[in-house]
Amino acid sequence: MRKKIGLGVAAALLLTALPSCGHRKPASGPDPAYDRLLRTLYHADMPTVQPAELAAELRRQAAPVVLLDTRTPAEYAVSHLQGARLIDAEQFSPAAVRDLARDQTVVVYCSVGARSQRIGEELRALGFRDVRNLYGGLFEWVNQGLPVYDAHGPTQRVHPYSALWGIWLKRGEAAYR
């Protein structure tokens, strides 16, 4: 099954990918072209959290962070952040988060952050006060060498969502199943 993207997103992908032909990724942080793409997808009023910052926060465990994976069940089954809860963006309803306290810190993520941003905005509309979107999504998490898991434990496999979006996954093993 093919996923459709809007013309504006397709144009942004093309325009950001072209300057990066032959461009090498910097030692840390997202690829400059990927960063430009993300800036076109994200809304300024949705806070983001960098992968390294979230990883440090999760290690400290100072305050519980709820991780919500907004991808599809097939994507989640390939790999996800440890302890993440699946909240399929395509099937989202307020009932899916009924058990969560509105004052908990919630970090939403998907492949690159577009679907999770939409769910994050819905959570904020439902009264959640501290919602952040994982900057660069699962792709940037993996690109920075941070671990992902499947039902059996750590894995290198990552669902690339589609061939078009999968170009932003620079580490890990692209796996559709």
Protein backbone atom coordinates (compact mmCIF):
# COMPACT_ATOMS: atom_id res chain seq x y z
CA MET A 1 0.00 0.00 0.00
CA ARG A 2 1.39 3.39 -0.98
CA LYS A 3 1.17 6.39 1.27
CA LYS A 4 0.34 9.72 -0.37
CA ILE A 5 1.99 12.96 0.60
CA GLY A 6 0.89 16.45 -0.28
CA LEU A 7 2.40 18.36 -3.16
CA GLY A 8 3.99 20.87 -0.79
CA VAL A 9 5.72 18.13 1.19
CA ALA A 10 6.92 16.46 -2.02
CA ALA A 11 8.32 19.78 -3.25
CA ALA A 12 10.04 20.38 0.09
CA LEU A 13 11.59 16.92 -0.10
CA LEU A 14 12.87 17.54 -3.59
CA LEU A 15 14.18 21.01 -2.84
CA THR A 16 15.95 19.94 0.32
CA ALA A 17 17.37 16.75 -1.16
CA LEU A 18 18.91 18.36 -4.25
CA PRO A 19 21.45 20.57 -2.44
CA SER A 20 22.56 17.61 -0.34
CA CYS A 21 23.68 15.44 -3.25
CA GLY A 22 27.19 14.43 -2.35
CA HIS A 23 26.93 16.29 0.96
CA ARG A 24 28.39 14.53 3.98
CA LYS A 25 26.49 14.48 7.26
CA PRO A 26 28.09 16.51 10.06
CA ALA A 27 29.46 14.62 13.07
CA SER A 28 26.47 15.50 15.24
CA GLY A 29 22.98 16.78 14.66
CA PRO A 30 20.74 16.27 11.67
CA ASP A 31 21.91 16.50 8.08
CA PRO A 32 21.49 20.16 6.99
CA ALA A 33 19.06 19.17 4.22
CA TYR A 34 17.05 17.05 6.67
CA ASP A 35 17.03 19.96 9.10
CA ARG A 36 15.63 22.25 6.36
CA LEU A 37 12.92 19.70 5.57
CA LEU A 38 11.96 19.41 9.24
CA ARG A 39 11.67 23.18 9.53
CA THR A 40 9.06 23.11 6.73
CA LEU A 41 7.08 20.35 8.46
CA TYR A 42 7.05 21.59 12.05
CA HIS A 43 4.92 24.37 13.49
CA ALA A 44 6.70 26.90 15.67
CA ASP A 45 4.22 26.52 18.52
CA MET A 46 4.96 22.80 19.04
CA PRO A 47 8.01 22.34 21.28
CA THR A 48 10.57 19.80 20.17
CA VAL A 49 13.17 17.79 22.06
CA GLN A 50 16.48 16.75 20.53
CA PRO A 51 17.25 13.00 20.55
CA ALA A 52 20.36 13.34 22.75
CA GLU A 53 18.44 15.53 25.21
CA LEU A 54 15.59 13.00 25.43
CA ALA A 55 18.03 10.10 25.84
CA ALA A 56 19.71 11.92 28.74
CA GLU A 57 16.33 12.72 30.30
CA LEU A 58 15.27 9.07 30.05
CA ARG A 59 18.55 7.92 31.65
CA ARG A 60 18.10 10.37 34.54
CA GLN A 61 14.50 9.28 35.07
CA ALA A 62 14.04 12.39 37.21
CA ALA A 63 10.41 12.63 36.17
CA PRO A 64 8.51 10.01 34.23
CA VAL A 65 8.28 10.71 30.51
CA VAL A 66 5.50 9.10 28.52
CA LEU A 67 6.70 8.12 25.05
CA LEU A 68 3.97 7.90 22.42
CA ASP A 69 4.83 6.31 19.07
CA THR A 70 2.35 7.70 16.54
CA ARG A 71 3.30 5.41 13.66
CA THR A 72 1.34 2.42 12.40
CA PRO A 73 1.38 -0.95 14.18
CA ALA A 74 3.55 -2.38 11.36
CA GLU A 75 6.14 0.37 11.83
CA TYR A 76 6.08 -0.04 15.62
CA ALA A 77 6.58 -3.82 15.33
CA VAL A 78 9.83 -3.32 13.39
CA SER A 79 11.29 -1.05 16.11
CA HIS A 80 10.43 1.66 18.58
CA LEU A 81 11.86 3.50 21.57
CA GLN A 82 12.11 1.38 24.67
CA GLY A 83 8.96 1.76 26.76
CA ALA A 84 7.05 3.61 24.04
CA ARG A 85 3.33 3.19 23.75
CA LEU A 86 1.73 2.83 20.31
CA ILE A 87 -0.82 5.53 19.49
CA ASP A 88 -1.53 5.04 15.78
CA ALA A 89 -2.00 8.51 14.26
CA GLU A 90 -4.38 7.09 11.66
CA GLN A 91 -6.69 5.70 14.37
CA PHE A 92 -6.17 8.29 17.12
CA SER A 93 -9.01 9.14 19.47
CA PRO A 94 -9.02 10.83 22.89
CA ALA A 95 -9.89 7.46 24.45
CA ALA A 96 -6.36 6.27 23.59
CA VAL A 97 -4.88 8.64 26.20
CA ARG A 98 -7.72 8.69 28.71
CA ASP A 99 -5.52 7.05 31.37
CA LEU A 100 -2.72 9.64 31.16
CA ALA A 101 -2.50 12.55 33.57
CA ARG A 102 -2.64 15.92 31.83
CA ASP A 103 0.40 17.16 33.79
CA GLN A 104 2.72 14.33 32.67
CA THR A 105 5.56 15.03 30.28
CA VAL A 106 4.65 13.46 26.93
CA VAL A 107 7.03 13.02 24.02
CA VAL A 108 5.46 12.06 20.71
CA TYR A 109 7.37 10.70 17.74
CA CYS A 110 6.99 9.08 14.34
CA SER A 111 9.45 8.54 11.49
CA VAL A 112 10.35 12.21 10.94
CA GLY A 113 7.96 14.12 13.21
CA ALA A 114 5.06 15.18 10.97
CA ARG A 115 2.43 12.70 12.19
CA SER A 116 3.59 13.08 15.78
CA GLN A 117 3.31 16.85 15.55
CA ARG A 118 -0.35 16.50 14.57
CA ILE A 119 -1.00 14.14 17.51
CA GLY A 120 0.95 16.44 19.82
CA GLU A 121 -1.30 19.33 18.82
CA GLU A 122 -4.36 17.17 19.51
CA LEU A 123 -2.98 16.25 22.93
CA ARG A 124 -2.43 19.90 23.76
CA ALA A 125 -6.03 20.62 22.71
CA LEU A 126 -7.10 17.87 25.13
CA GLY A 127 -5.37 19.71 27.99
CA PHE A 128 -1.94 18.06 28.11
CA ARG A 129 0.44 20.76 29.34
CA ASP A 130 3.92 19.38 28.54
CA VAL A 131 3.93 17.80 25.07
CA ARG A 132 7.08 17.74 22.95
CA ASN A 133 7.80 16.32 19.51
CA LEU A 134 11.01 14.29 19.06
CA TYR A 135 13.06 16.39 16.64
CA GLY A 136 13.77 14.40 13.50
CA GLY A 137 11.65 11.53 14.76
CA LEU A 138 12.83 7.96 15.02
CA PHE A 139 15.08 8.47 11.99
CA GLU A 140 17.18 11.13 13.74
CA TRP A 141 17.17 9.09 16.96
CA VAL A 142 18.73 6.17 15.06
CA ASN A 143 20.96 8.45 12.96
CA GLN A 144 22.51 9.66 16.23
CA GLY A 145 23.27 6.07 17.22
CA LEU A 146 20.60 5.78 19.91
CA PRO A 147 18.97 2.37 20.50
CA VAL A 148 15.65 1.05 19.25
CA TYR A 149 13.86 -2.13 20.24
CA ASP A 150 11.46 -4.71 18.91
CA ALA A 151 9.52 -7.39 20.80
CA HIS A 152 12.75 -9.39 21.31
CA GLY A 153 15.06 -6.59 22.46
CA PRO A 154 17.55 -4.24 20.83
CA THR A 155 17.53 -4.16 17.03
CA GLN A 156 19.14 -2.27 14.17
CA ARG A 157 15.98 -2.51 12.07
CA VAL A 158 13.93 0.60 11.33
CA HIS A 159 10.77 0.88 9.25
CA PRO A 160 11.56 3.55 6.63
CA TYR A 161 7.84 4.46 6.14
CA SER A 162 8.38 4.69 2.37
CA ALA A 163 11.25 4.82 -0.11
CA LEU A 164 10.71 8.58 -0.40
CA TRP A 165 10.98 9.26 3.33
CA GLY A 166 13.50 6.50 3.95
CA ILE A 167 16.28 8.55 2.33
CA TRP A 168 16.60 10.40 5.65
CA LEU A 169 17.47 7.21 7.55
CA LYS A 170 21.28 7.18 7.46
CA ARG A 171 21.94 4.44 10.06
CA GLY A 172 20.21 1.24 10.98
CA GLU A 173 18.78 -1.37 8.66
CA ALA A 174 15.75 -0.34 6.62
CA ALA A 175 13.09 -3.03 7.08
CA TYR A 176 9.47 -2.92 6.03
CA ARG A 177 8.66 -6.06 8.02
